[in-house]
């Protein structure tokens, strides 16, 4: 919102391939009340608790995928969840360290 971000690049997606479950922080609780932003006041930080949503991992090697369509269904679901929660389009995806392992969605 502050910086006018219109799209993001998701890198190191291959690192998540070994997880059975992936926890994603979707908000915070501050003094028992749910908030969607991370508080910037230092005195509030000791009272902040993250709220996680747990997604299924994909436990598959995705390093040879060259397009969004080739990704496993659970990987696509994870990326779609990130885009929906953040409200920002995912434009670039990287599934490994090599240049040819990065593609546009």
Protein backbone atom coordinates (compact mmCIF):
# COMPACT_ATOMS: atom_id res chain seq x y z
CA UNK A 1 0.00 0.00 0.00
CA UNK A 2 2.74 2.43 0.91
CA UNK A 3 5.12 1.65 -1.95
CA UNK A 4 2.60 0.99 -4.71
CA UNK A 5 3.71 -2.60 -5.34
CA UNK A 6 1.82 -4.09 -8.28
CA UNK A 7 3.48 -7.52 -8.48
CA UNK A 8 6.06 -9.69 -6.72
CA UNK A 9 8.66 -12.32 -7.49
CA UNK A 10 8.56 -15.52 -5.45
CA UNK A 11 12.06 -16.97 -5.21
CA UNK A 12 13.48 -20.09 -3.57
CA UNK A 13 10.17 -21.90 -3.99
CA UNK A 14 12.14 -25.14 -4.33
CA UNK A 15 13.30 -24.80 -0.71
CA UNK A 16 9.73 -25.47 0.47
CA UNK A 17 9.52 -28.76 -1.46
CA UNK A 18 10.53 -30.90 1.51
CA UNK A 19 7.82 -29.67 3.91
CA UNK A 20 4.66 -31.70 4.59
CA UNK A 21 2.92 -28.57 5.90
CA UNK A 22 3.69 -24.87 5.37
CA UNK A 23 2.63 -22.31 7.95
CA UNK A 24 1.73 -18.88 6.58
CA UNK A 25 1.18 -15.91 8.87
CA UNK A 26 -2.17 -14.33 7.94
CA UNK A 27 -2.49 -11.80 10.73
CA UNK A 28 -1.63 -11.01 14.32
CA UNK A 29 -3.28 -10.84 17.70
CA UNK A 30 -2.50 -7.81 19.80
CA UNK A 31 -3.85 -7.93 23.34
CA UNK A 32 -6.37 -10.59 22.26
CA UNK A 33 -7.66 -8.57 19.28
CA UNK A 34 -7.01 -9.67 15.68
CA UNK A 35 -5.14 -7.22 13.46
CA UNK A 36 -3.87 -7.58 9.87
CA UNK A 37 -0.81 -5.37 10.15
CA UNK A 38 2.48 -5.82 11.98
CA UNK A 39 2.72 -3.23 14.75
CA UNK A 40 5.67 -0.88 14.52
CA UNK A 41 5.60 0.34 18.12
CA UNK A 42 8.34 -1.42 20.10
CA UNK A 43 6.25 -1.49 23.26
CA UNK A 44 3.53 -3.52 21.49
CA UNK A 45 5.82 -6.25 20.15
CA UNK A 46 5.88 -8.29 23.37
CA UNK A 47 2.07 -8.59 23.14
CA UNK A 48 1.87 -9.61 19.48
CA UNK A 49 1.15 -13.22 18.54
CA UNK A 50 1.16 -14.43 14.92
CA UNK A 51 -1.90 -16.18 13.48
CA UNK A 52 -0.95 -19.00 11.12
CA UNK A 53 -2.86 -20.82 8.44
CA UNK A 54 -1.40 -24.21 7.59
CA UNK A 55 -1.26 -25.32 3.95
CA UNK A 56 -0.36 -28.71 2.53
CA UNK A 57 3.19 -29.02 1.23
CA UNK A 58 3.93 -30.70 -2.06
CA UNK A 59 6.98 -32.85 -1.23
CA UNK A 60 7.98 -33.02 -4.92
CA UNK A 61 11.00 -31.82 -6.85
CA UNK A 62 9.89 -28.73 -8.76
CA UNK A 63 13.34 -27.65 -9.95
CA UNK A 64 12.66 -28.76 -13.54
CA UNK A 65 9.36 -26.87 -13.89
CA UNK A 66 9.51 -24.13 -16.49
CA UNK A 67 5.97 -22.76 -16.20
CA UNK A 68 3.21 -22.28 -13.65
CA UNK A 69 1.17 -25.01 -15.35
CA UNK A 70 3.93 -27.59 -14.69
CA UNK A 71 3.92 -26.98 -10.93
CA UNK A 72 2.16 -29.50 -8.67
CA UNK A 73 -1.41 -28.61 -7.67
CA UNK A 74 -0.40 -27.95 -4.05
CA UNK A 75 2.37 -25.59 -5.15
CA UNK A 76 -0.11 -23.68 -7.29
CA UNK A 77 -2.55 -23.59 -4.35
CA UNK A 78 0.21 -22.14 -2.13
CA UNK A 79 1.07 -19.43 -4.67
CA UNK A 80 -2.60 -18.57 -5.24
CA UNK A 81 -3.09 -18.34 -1.46
CA UNK A 82 -0.14 -15.93 -1.14
CA UNK A 83 -1.52 -13.77 -3.97
CA UNK A 84 -5.03 -13.73 -2.48
CA UNK A 85 -3.87 -12.95 1.06
CA UNK A 86 -1.48 -10.20 -0.02
CA UNK A 87 -3.68 -8.78 -2.76
CA UNK A 88 -0.62 -8.64 -5.00
CA UNK A 89 -0.14 -10.50 -8.29
CA UNK A 90 2.72 -12.99 -8.48
CA UNK A 91 4.54 -12.29 -11.72
CA UNK A 92 7.87 -14.12 -11.44
CA UNK A 93 8.55 -17.56 -9.92
CA UNK A 94 11.93 -19.12 -9.23
CA UNK A 95 12.30 -22.86 -8.57
CA UNK A 96 16.08 -23.01 -8.25
CA UNK A 97 19.32 -21.02 -8.37
CA UNK A 98 19.91 -21.16 -12.13
CA UNK A 99 18.70 -18.44 -14.47
CA UNK A 100 16.63 -20.90 -16.51
CA UNK A 101 14.79 -21.93 -13.32
CA UNK A 102 13.02 -18.57 -13.21
CA UNK A 103 9.89 -17.96 -15.25
CA UNK A 104 6.95 -15.59 -15.59
CA UNK A 105 3.57 -16.74 -14.32
